[in-house]
Amino acid sequence: MILRRYGNTYHRVIPNFDARAMNEIGFTRTGDVTIPVDEFQTDFERTESHELTAATDGPVKDEAEQALLNQLRSHLDGIAAKLGEGDALVIESEATNYPKTRARQQNKPGADRAHFFWTIDPPLRVGIYRRKR
């Protein structure tokens, strides 16, 4: 289960990583799980943290950016797949340090085309939380 805090509650979310969106690294609330912050802090404890990043390059700007987002999604899905029963993966990045895609363009010597290099900066911060016993 992936959670993200919105105001005074944590909501279950699904990743929505889209190179065509204004906010490429997005999450959509599912509406099926909401947990008040006080209850979450009482019932769960943080056991791990991860900073997820990715890097790609390619001759087509949009394709290279989408490959970057697919790579980031793969990292996120890999961590989520290892969660135990009752564990939660919490998106900890906030508005002040929210990850963005960053591009650098370079012309290759002897080529008429640009080549695009994509990275994530700052990293997507996530934490694994387990229910307290």
N, C-alpha and C. Protein backbone atom coordinates (compact mmCIF):
# COMPACT_ATOMS: atom_id res chain seq x y z
N MET A 1 0.85 -1.16 0.00
CA MET A 1 0.00 0.00 0.00
C MET A 1 0.90 1.24 0.00
N ILE A 2 0.64 2.14 -0.91
CA ILE A 2 1.38 3.40 -1.01
C ILE A 2 0.49 4.51 -0.47
N LEU A 3 1.04 5.29 0.48
CA LEU A 3 0.29 6.38 1.09
C LEU A 3 1.00 7.70 0.87
N ARG A 4 0.21 8.76 0.85
CA ARG A 4 0.75 10.11 0.78
C ARG A 4 -0.11 11.01 1.67
N ARG A 5 0.55 11.93 2.33
CA ARG A 5 -0.17 12.82 3.23
C ARG A 5 -0.77 13.99 2.46
N TYR A 6 -2.05 14.23 2.73
CA TYR A 6 -2.78 15.40 2.23
C TYR A 6 -3.45 16.04 3.43
N GLY A 7 -2.92 17.16 3.91
CA GLY A 7 -3.50 17.83 5.06
C GLY A 7 -3.37 16.99 6.32
N ASN A 8 -4.51 16.66 6.94
CA ASN A 8 -4.52 15.92 8.20
C ASN A 8 -4.76 14.43 8.04
N THR A 9 -4.66 13.92 6.80
CA THR A 9 -4.88 12.49 6.58
C THR A 9 -3.89 11.93 5.57
N TYR A 10 -3.65 10.65 5.69
CA TYR A 10 -2.88 9.90 4.70
C TYR A 10 -3.89 9.21 3.80
N HIS A 11 -3.63 9.26 2.50
CA HIS A 11 -4.51 8.64 1.52
C HIS A 11 -3.73 7.60 0.73
N ARG A 12 -4.41 6.53 0.38
CA ARG A 12 -3.80 5.55 -0.52
C ARG A 12 -3.73 6.18 -1.90
N VAL A 13 -2.58 6.02 -2.57
CA VAL A 13 -2.37 6.62 -3.89
C VAL A 13 -1.79 5.58 -4.85
N ILE A 14 -1.93 5.89 -6.12
CA ILE A 14 -1.25 5.12 -7.15
C ILE A 14 -0.38 6.09 -7.94
N PRO A 15 0.80 5.64 -8.35
CA PRO A 15 1.68 6.52 -9.13
C PRO A 15 1.05 6.89 -10.47
N ASN A 16 1.29 8.11 -10.87
CA ASN A 16 0.83 8.61 -12.17
C ASN A 16 2.00 9.41 -12.76
N PHE A 17 2.94 8.70 -13.36
CA PHE A 17 4.14 9.32 -13.90
C PHE A 17 3.95 9.50 -15.41
N ASP A 18 3.83 10.74 -15.83
CA ASP A 18 3.51 11.03 -17.22
C ASP A 18 4.36 12.20 -17.72
N ALA A 19 5.16 11.96 -18.74
CA ALA A 19 6.05 12.97 -19.29
C ALA A 19 5.27 14.15 -19.88
N ARG A 20 4.02 13.95 -20.25
CA ARG A 20 3.23 15.02 -20.86
C ARG A 20 2.55 15.91 -19.82
N ALA A 21 2.58 15.51 -18.57
CA ALA A 21 1.91 16.28 -17.51
C ALA A 21 2.80 17.43 -17.04
N MET A 22 2.16 18.43 -16.47
CA MET A 22 2.92 19.56 -15.94
C MET A 22 3.74 19.13 -14.72
N ASN A 23 3.15 18.28 -13.88
CA ASN A 23 3.86 17.69 -12.76
C ASN A 23 4.07 16.22 -13.11
N GLU A 24 5.20 15.91 -13.68
CA GLU A 24 5.45 14.59 -14.26
C GLU A 24 5.41 13.47 -13.23
N ILE A 25 5.86 13.75 -12.00
CA ILE A 25 5.89 12.75 -10.95
C ILE A 25 4.69 13.00 -10.06
N GLY A 26 3.59 12.34 -10.39
CA GLY A 26 2.34 12.58 -9.69
C GLY A 26 1.78 11.32 -9.05
N PHE A 27 0.82 11.53 -8.17
CA PHE A 27 0.13 10.44 -7.50
C PHE A 27 -1.35 10.75 -7.49
N THR A 28 -2.18 9.72 -7.69
CA THR A 28 -3.62 9.89 -7.71
C THR A 28 -4.23 9.16 -6.52
N ARG A 29 -5.06 9.86 -5.77
CA ARG A 29 -5.74 9.24 -4.63
C ARG A 29 -6.74 8.21 -5.13
N THR A 30 -6.78 7.06 -4.45
CA THR A 30 -7.74 6.01 -4.82
C THR A 30 -9.06 6.17 -4.10
N GLY A 31 -9.05 6.79 -2.93
CA GLY A 31 -10.27 7.01 -2.17
C GLY A 31 -10.69 5.83 -1.31
N ASP A 32 -9.98 4.70 -1.39
CA ASP A 32 -10.40 3.53 -0.62
C ASP A 32 -9.75 3.43 0.76
N VAL A 33 -8.63 4.13 1.00
CA VAL A 33 -7.99 4.10 2.31
C VAL A 33 -7.61 5.52 2.70
N THR A 34 -8.10 5.96 3.86
CA THR A 34 -7.68 7.22 4.45
C THR A 34 -7.42 6.96 5.93
N ILE A 35 -6.31 7.51 6.43
CA ILE A 35 -5.93 7.32 7.82
C ILE A 35 -5.58 8.69 8.40
N PRO A 36 -6.23 9.10 9.47
CA PRO A 36 -5.87 10.37 10.10
C PRO A 36 -4.40 10.36 10.54
N VAL A 37 -3.74 11.49 10.46
CA VAL A 37 -2.32 11.59 10.80
C VAL A 37 -2.05 11.11 12.22
N ASP A 38 -2.88 11.51 13.18
CA ASP A 38 -2.68 11.10 14.58
C ASP A 38 -2.72 9.58 14.72
N GLU A 39 -3.69 8.97 14.06
CA GLU A 39 -3.83 7.51 14.11
C GLU A 39 -2.62 6.83 13.45
N PHE A 40 -2.19 7.36 12.32
CA PHE A 40 -1.05 6.78 11.62
C PHE A 40 0.20 6.86 12.49
N GLN A 41 0.44 8.01 13.10
CA GLN A 41 1.63 8.18 13.94
C GLN A 41 1.59 7.29 15.18
N THR A 42 0.41 6.98 15.67
CA THR A 42 0.26 6.10 16.82
C THR A 42 0.48 4.64 16.42
N ASP A 43 -0.03 4.24 15.26
CA ASP A 43 -0.05 2.83 14.86
C ASP A 43 1.18 2.37 14.06
N PHE A 44 1.91 3.30 13.45
CA PHE A 44 3.00 2.92 12.56
C PHE A 44 4.32 3.51 13.03
N GLU A 45 5.42 2.81 12.68
CA GLU A 45 6.76 3.33 12.93
C GLU A 45 7.60 3.18 11.66
N ARG A 46 8.44 4.15 11.44
CA ARG A 46 9.30 4.17 10.25
C ARG A 46 10.46 3.21 10.45
N THR A 47 10.67 2.32 9.48
CA THR A 47 11.74 1.33 9.59
C THR A 47 12.84 1.52 8.56
N GLU A 48 12.52 2.14 7.45
CA GLU A 48 13.50 2.37 6.37
C GLU A 48 13.16 3.65 5.64
N SER A 49 14.16 4.19 4.95
CA SER A 49 13.92 5.31 4.05
C SER A 49 14.75 5.10 2.80
N HIS A 50 14.25 5.64 1.71
CA HIS A 50 14.92 5.53 0.42
C HIS A 50 14.82 6.86 -0.32
N GLU A 51 15.84 7.19 -1.06
CA GLU A 51 15.81 8.33 -1.97
C GLU A 51 15.94 7.77 -3.37
N LEU A 52 14.87 7.89 -4.14
CA LEU A 52 14.81 7.29 -5.47
C LEU A 52 15.14 8.32 -6.54
N THR A 53 15.99 7.92 -7.45
CA THR A 53 16.35 8.78 -8.56
C THR A 53 16.52 7.91 -9.80
N ALA A 54 16.71 8.55 -10.92
CA ALA A 54 16.89 7.84 -12.18
C ALA A 54 17.63 8.76 -13.14
N ALA A 55 18.18 8.17 -14.19
CA ALA A 55 18.86 8.95 -15.23
C ALA A 55 18.74 8.21 -16.55
N THR A 56 18.40 8.94 -17.60
CA THR A 56 18.33 8.37 -18.95
C THR A 56 18.82 9.40 -19.95
N ASP A 57 19.00 8.94 -21.15
CA ASP A 57 19.32 9.85 -22.24
C ASP A 57 18.80 9.25 -23.53
N GLY A 58 18.67 10.10 -24.54
CA GLY A 58 18.20 9.64 -25.84
C GLY A 58 18.05 10.79 -26.81
N PRO A 59 17.86 10.46 -28.09
CA PRO A 59 17.77 11.49 -29.11
C PRO A 59 16.39 12.15 -29.22
N VAL A 60 15.36 11.53 -28.63
CA VAL A 60 14.01 12.08 -28.68
C VAL A 60 13.62 12.53 -27.27
N LYS A 61 13.37 13.80 -27.13
CA LYS A 61 13.15 14.41 -25.81
C LYS A 61 12.06 13.71 -25.01
N ASP A 62 10.85 13.60 -25.56
CA ASP A 62 9.72 13.03 -24.83
C ASP A 62 9.94 11.55 -24.49
N GLU A 63 10.52 10.81 -25.41
CA GLU A 63 10.77 9.39 -25.16
C GLU A 63 11.80 9.19 -24.07
N ALA A 64 12.82 10.00 -24.06
CA ALA A 64 13.86 9.90 -23.03
C ALA A 64 13.29 10.26 -21.67
N GLU A 65 12.44 11.28 -21.62
CA GLU A 65 11.83 11.67 -20.35
C GLU A 65 10.89 10.58 -19.84
N GLN A 66 10.09 9.99 -20.73
CA GLN A 66 9.19 8.91 -20.30
C GLN A 66 9.98 7.70 -19.84
N ALA A 67 11.10 7.40 -20.48
CA ALA A 67 11.97 6.31 -20.04
C ALA A 67 12.50 6.58 -18.63
N LEU A 68 12.82 7.83 -18.34
CA LEU A 68 13.26 8.24 -17.00
C LEU A 68 12.16 7.96 -15.98
N LEU A 69 10.94 8.36 -16.30
CA LEU A 69 9.82 8.16 -15.38
C LEU A 69 9.50 6.68 -15.21
N ASN A 70 9.64 5.90 -16.27
CA ASN A 70 9.44 4.45 -16.17
C ASN A 70 10.48 3.82 -15.25
N GLN A 71 11.70 4.30 -15.34
CA GLN A 71 12.78 3.80 -14.48
C GLN A 71 12.49 4.13 -13.02
N LEU A 72 12.05 5.36 -12.75
CA LEU A 72 11.70 5.75 -11.39
C LEU A 72 10.54 4.91 -10.88
N ARG A 73 9.55 4.70 -11.71
CA ARG A 73 8.38 3.88 -11.33
C ARG A 73 8.81 2.45 -11.02
N SER A 74 9.74 1.93 -11.77
CA SER A 74 10.26 0.58 -11.54
C SER A 74 10.92 0.49 -10.17
N HIS A 75 11.70 1.50 -9.80
CA HIS A 75 12.33 1.53 -8.48
C HIS A 75 11.27 1.55 -7.38
N LEU A 76 10.25 2.38 -7.56
CA LEU A 76 9.18 2.50 -6.58
C LEU A 76 8.41 1.19 -6.45
N ASP A 77 8.07 0.58 -7.59
CA ASP A 77 7.34 -0.69 -7.58
C ASP A 77 8.16 -1.79 -6.93
N GLY A 78 9.48 -1.77 -7.13
CA GLY A 78 10.35 -2.78 -6.53
C GLY A 78 10.33 -2.71 -5.01
N ILE A 79 10.33 -1.51 -4.47
CA ILE A 79 10.26 -1.34 -3.02
C ILE A 79 8.88 -1.74 -2.52
N ALA A 80 7.84 -1.32 -3.22
CA ALA A 80 6.47 -1.65 -2.81
C ALA A 80 6.22 -3.15 -2.83
N ALA A 81 6.84 -3.86 -3.76
CA ALA A 81 6.65 -5.31 -3.86
C ALA A 81 7.23 -6.06 -2.66
N LYS A 82 8.17 -5.46 -1.97
CA LYS A 82 8.81 -6.11 -0.82
C LYS A 82 8.10 -5.82 0.50
N LEU A 83 7.03 -5.05 0.47
CA LEU A 83 6.32 -4.72 1.70
C LEU A 83 5.64 -5.95 2.28
N GLY A 84 5.67 -6.05 3.60
CA GLY A 84 4.97 -7.13 4.28
C GLY A 84 3.51 -6.78 4.50
N GLU A 85 2.77 -7.73 5.02
CA GLU A 85 1.35 -7.52 5.33
C GLU A 85 1.22 -6.39 6.36
N GLY A 86 0.42 -5.39 6.06
CA GLY A 86 0.20 -4.29 6.98
C GLY A 86 1.23 -3.18 6.89
N ASP A 87 2.27 -3.35 6.05
CA ASP A 87 3.27 -2.30 5.88
C ASP A 87 2.75 -1.23 4.93
N ALA A 88 3.34 -0.06 5.01
CA ALA A 88 2.96 1.04 4.12
C ALA A 88 4.21 1.71 3.57
N LEU A 89 4.16 2.06 2.32
CA LEU A 89 5.19 2.86 1.68
C LEU A 89 4.64 4.28 1.62
N VAL A 90 5.31 5.20 2.30
CA VAL A 90 4.81 6.57 2.40
C VAL A 90 5.67 7.50 1.56
N ILE A 91 5.02 8.28 0.71
CA ILE A 91 5.71 9.30 -0.07
C ILE A 91 6.01 10.45 0.88
N GLU A 92 7.29 10.68 1.14
CA GLU A 92 7.68 11.70 2.12
C GLU A 92 8.10 13.02 1.48
N SER A 93 8.30 13.04 0.19
CA SER A 93 8.64 14.30 -0.48
C SER A 93 7.48 15.27 -0.33
N GLU A 94 7.80 16.50 0.01
CA GLU A 94 6.77 17.53 0.20
C GLU A 94 6.95 18.62 -0.84
N ALA A 95 6.07 19.57 -0.85
CA ALA A 95 6.07 20.63 -1.86
C ALA A 95 7.41 21.38 -1.91
N THR A 96 8.06 21.55 -0.77
CA THR A 96 9.31 22.31 -0.74
C THR A 96 10.50 21.53 -1.31
N ASN A 97 10.40 20.21 -1.37
CA ASN A 97 11.50 19.40 -1.89
C ASN A 97 10.99 18.34 -2.86
N TYR A 98 9.96 18.68 -3.62
CA TYR A 98 9.32 17.71 -4.49
C TYR A 98 10.20 17.42 -5.71
N PRO A 99 10.32 16.16 -6.10
CA PRO A 99 11.18 15.80 -7.23
C PRO A 99 10.66 16.36 -8.56
N LYS A 100 11.60 16.72 -9.39
CA LYS A 100 11.30 17.25 -10.73
C LYS A 100 12.20 16.54 -11.74
N THR A 101 11.72 16.49 -12.96
CA THR A 101 12.58 15.99 -14.04
C THR A 101 13.42 17.16 -14.54
N ARG A 102 14.68 16.89 -14.79
CA ARG A 102 15.60 17.93 -15.26
C ARG A 102 16.25 17.44 -16.56
N ALA A 103 16.30 18.32 -17.54
CA ALA A 103 16.87 17.96 -18.84
C ALA A 103 18.10 18.79 -19.14
N ARG A 104 19.01 18.15 -19.83
CA ARG A 104 20.19 18.83 -20.37
C ARG A 104 20.29 18.39 -21.83
N GLN A 105 20.51 19.33 -22.69
CA GLN A 105 20.58 19.06 -24.12
C GLN A 105 22.01 19.27 -24.59
N GLN A 106 22.47 18.37 -25.46
CA GLN A 106 23.82 18.48 -25.97
C GLN A 106 23.83 18.03 -27.43
N ASN A 107 24.55 18.75 -28.27
CA ASN A 107 24.72 18.34 -29.65
C ASN A 107 25.93 17.42 -29.74
N LYS A 108 25.72 16.28 -30.36
CA LYS A 108 26.82 15.32 -30.52
C LYS A 108 27.73 15.81 -31.65
N PRO A 109 29.05 15.67 -31.49
CA PRO A 109 29.96 16.07 -32.56
C PRO A 109 29.66 15.31 -33.86
N GLY A 110 29.56 16.04 -34.94
CA GLY A 110 29.31 15.44 -36.24
C GLY A 110 27.86 15.07 -36.50
N ALA A 111 26.96 15.43 -35.61
CA ALA A 111 25.55 15.11 -35.79
C ALA A 111 24.73 16.39 -35.83
N ASP A 112 23.66 16.35 -36.61
CA ASP A 112 22.78 17.51 -36.70
C ASP A 112 21.72 17.52 -35.60
N ARG A 113 21.68 16.49 -34.79
CA ARG A 113 20.61 16.35 -33.82
C ARG A 113 21.10 16.58 -32.40
N ALA A 114 20.17 17.00 -31.60
CA ALA A 114 20.45 17.15 -30.17
C ALA A 114 20.28 15.80 -29.48
N HIS A 115 20.93 15.65 -28.36
CA HIS A 115 20.80 14.46 -27.53
C HIS A 115 20.37 14.97 -26.14
N PHE A 116 19.40 14.29 -25.54
CA PHE A 116 18.82 14.76 -24.28
C PHE A 116 19.22 13.86 -23.13
N PHE A 117 19.60 14.48 -22.02
CA PHE A 117 19.98 13.77 -20.81
C PHE A 117 19.00 14.17 -19.72
N TRP A 118 18.35 13.19 -19.10
CA TRP A 118 17.33 13.45 -18.09
C TRP A 118 17.74 12.89 -16.74
N THR A 119 17.43 13.63 -15.68
CA THR A 119 17.66 13.18 -14.31
C THR A 119 16.48 13.61 -13.43
N ILE A 120 16.43 13.07 -12.23
CA ILE A 120 15.44 13.46 -11.22
C ILE A 120 16.19 14.23 -10.14
N ASP A 121 15.73 15.43 -9.83
CA ASP A 121 16.38 16.22 -8.79
C ASP A 121 15.35 17.14 -8.15
N PRO A 122 15.19 17.14 -6.86
CA PRO A 122 15.80 16.23 -5.89
C PRO A 122 15.18 14.84 -5.98
N PRO A 123 15.77 13.87 -5.31
CA PRO A 123 15.23 12.50 -5.35
C PRO A 123 13.83 12.41 -4.74
N LEU A 124 13.10 11.38 -5.14
CA LEU A 124 11.80 11.08 -4.53
C LEU A 124 12.08 10.37 -3.21
N ARG A 125 11.66 10.99 -2.11
CA ARG A 125 11.91 10.40 -0.79
C ARG A 125 10.70 9.58 -0.37
N VAL A 126 10.95 8.33 0.04
CA VAL A 126 9.89 7.44 0.50
C VAL A 126 10.36 6.76 1.79
N GLY A 127 9.40 6.36 2.60
CA GLY A 127 9.70 5.65 3.83
C GLY A 127 8.84 4.40 3.93
N ILE A 128 9.41 3.37 4.55
CA ILE A 128 8.64 2.16 4.81
C ILE A 128 8.23 2.20 6.27
N TYR A 129 6.95 2.01 6.50
CA TYR A 129 6.39 2.05 7.85
C TYR A 129 5.74 0.70 8.15
N ARG A 130 5.98 0.24 9.38
CA ARG A 130 5.39 -1.02 9.85
C ARG A 130 4.49 -0.74 11.03
N ARG A 131 3.46 -1.57 11.15
CA ARG A 131 2.56 -1.45 12.31
C ARG A 131 3.33 -1.78 13.57
N LYS A 132 3.10 -0.98 14.59
CA LYS A 132 3.71 -1.26 15.89
C LYS A 132 3.05 -2.49 16.49
N ARG A 133 3.81 -3.27 17.17
CA ARG A 133 3.29 -4.50 17.78
C ARG A 133 2.64 -4.23 19.10
